[in-house]
Amino acid sequence: MQEQENFVSAKVAAEYLAISETFLTRLAREGKVPAHPLPNGNRKLRRTWRFRLSELNAVMDAGYTRV
């Protein structure tokens, strides 16, 4: 049985990629990086994003250099 990878916060993912959390969340909103928004009942609140490091690695390994 394959172990499921945990999600990480935007802060952890941004540190992993050596970019700012603000920039990473902007890329997530624009659909330029794989991200998973958590459901939020109040539309006035900002989304909370979660990331999988393996998905971010796949984007980087594919040569995605222009964001």
Protein backbone atom coordinates (compact mmCIF):
# COMPACT_ATOMS: atom_id res chain seq x y z
CA MET A 1 0.00 0.00 0.00
CA GLN A 2 1.35 3.40 -1.00
CA GLU A 3 1.59 6.04 1.70
CA GLN A 4 -0.34 9.25 0.96
CA GLU A 5 1.67 12.46 0.98
CA ASN A 6 0.60 15.13 3.44
CA PHE A 7 -0.30 18.65 2.42
CA VAL A 8 1.86 21.55 3.56
CA SER A 9 0.98 25.18 4.18
CA ALA A 10 1.80 28.01 1.81
CA LYS A 11 4.52 29.11 4.23
CA VAL A 12 6.27 25.73 4.15
CA ALA A 13 5.89 25.41 0.37
CA ALA A 14 7.23 28.93 -0.21
CA GLU A 15 10.24 28.25 2.01
CA TYR A 16 10.85 25.01 0.11
CA LEU A 17 10.81 26.88 -3.22
CA ALA A 18 12.76 29.86 -1.81
CA ILE A 19 10.08 32.37 -2.83
CA SER A 20 7.75 34.58 -0.82
CA GLU A 21 4.48 33.24 0.49
CA THR A 22 2.66 36.13 -1.20
CA PHE A 23 4.15 35.25 -4.58
CA LEU A 24 3.30 31.56 -4.15
CA THR A 25 -0.33 32.27 -3.26
CA ARG A 26 -0.61 34.57 -6.27
CA LEU A 27 0.69 31.76 -8.50
CA ALA A 28 -1.86 29.42 -6.90
CA ARG A 29 -4.75 31.83 -7.54
CA GLU A 30 -3.65 32.20 -11.17
CA GLY A 31 -3.44 28.42 -11.60
CA LYS A 32 0.26 28.49 -12.42
CA VAL A 33 1.24 25.99 -9.72
CA PRO A 34 -0.69 22.99 -8.41
CA ALA A 35 -2.54 24.02 -5.26
CA HIS A 36 -5.53 22.90 -3.23
CA PRO A 37 -7.80 25.56 -1.73
CA LEU A 38 -9.56 24.64 1.47
CA PRO A 39 -13.32 25.20 1.44
CA ASN A 40 -14.36 28.40 3.13
CA GLY A 41 -17.96 29.17 4.05
CA ASN A 42 -17.36 32.91 4.23
CA ARG A 43 -16.58 34.37 0.78
CA LYS A 44 -15.16 37.53 2.36
CA LEU A 45 -12.27 35.60 3.85
CA ARG A 46 -9.23 34.75 1.80
CA ARG A 47 -8.65 31.19 0.69
CA THR A 48 -6.34 28.94 2.60
CA TRP A 49 -4.07 27.07 0.21
CA ARG A 50 -2.37 23.73 0.73
CA PHE A 51 0.34 22.22 -1.42
CA ARG A 52 2.03 18.89 -2.03
CA LEU A 53 5.78 19.19 -2.39
CA SER A 54 5.85 16.35 -4.93
CA GLU A 55 3.47 18.30 -7.20
CA LEU A 56 5.62 21.42 -6.93
CA ASN A 57 8.70 19.30 -7.69
CA ALA A 58 7.02 17.88 -10.79
CA VAL A 59 6.38 21.40 -12.11
CA MET A 60 9.99 22.40 -11.46
CA ASP A 61 11.35 19.16 -12.95
CA ALA A 62 9.31 19.75 -16.11
CA GLY A 63 11.35 22.89 -16.66
CA TYR A 64 8.69 25.38 -15.64
CA THR A 65 10.93 28.40 -15.34
CA ARG A 66 8.58 31.21 -16.35
CA VAL A 67 5.84 31.90 -13.80
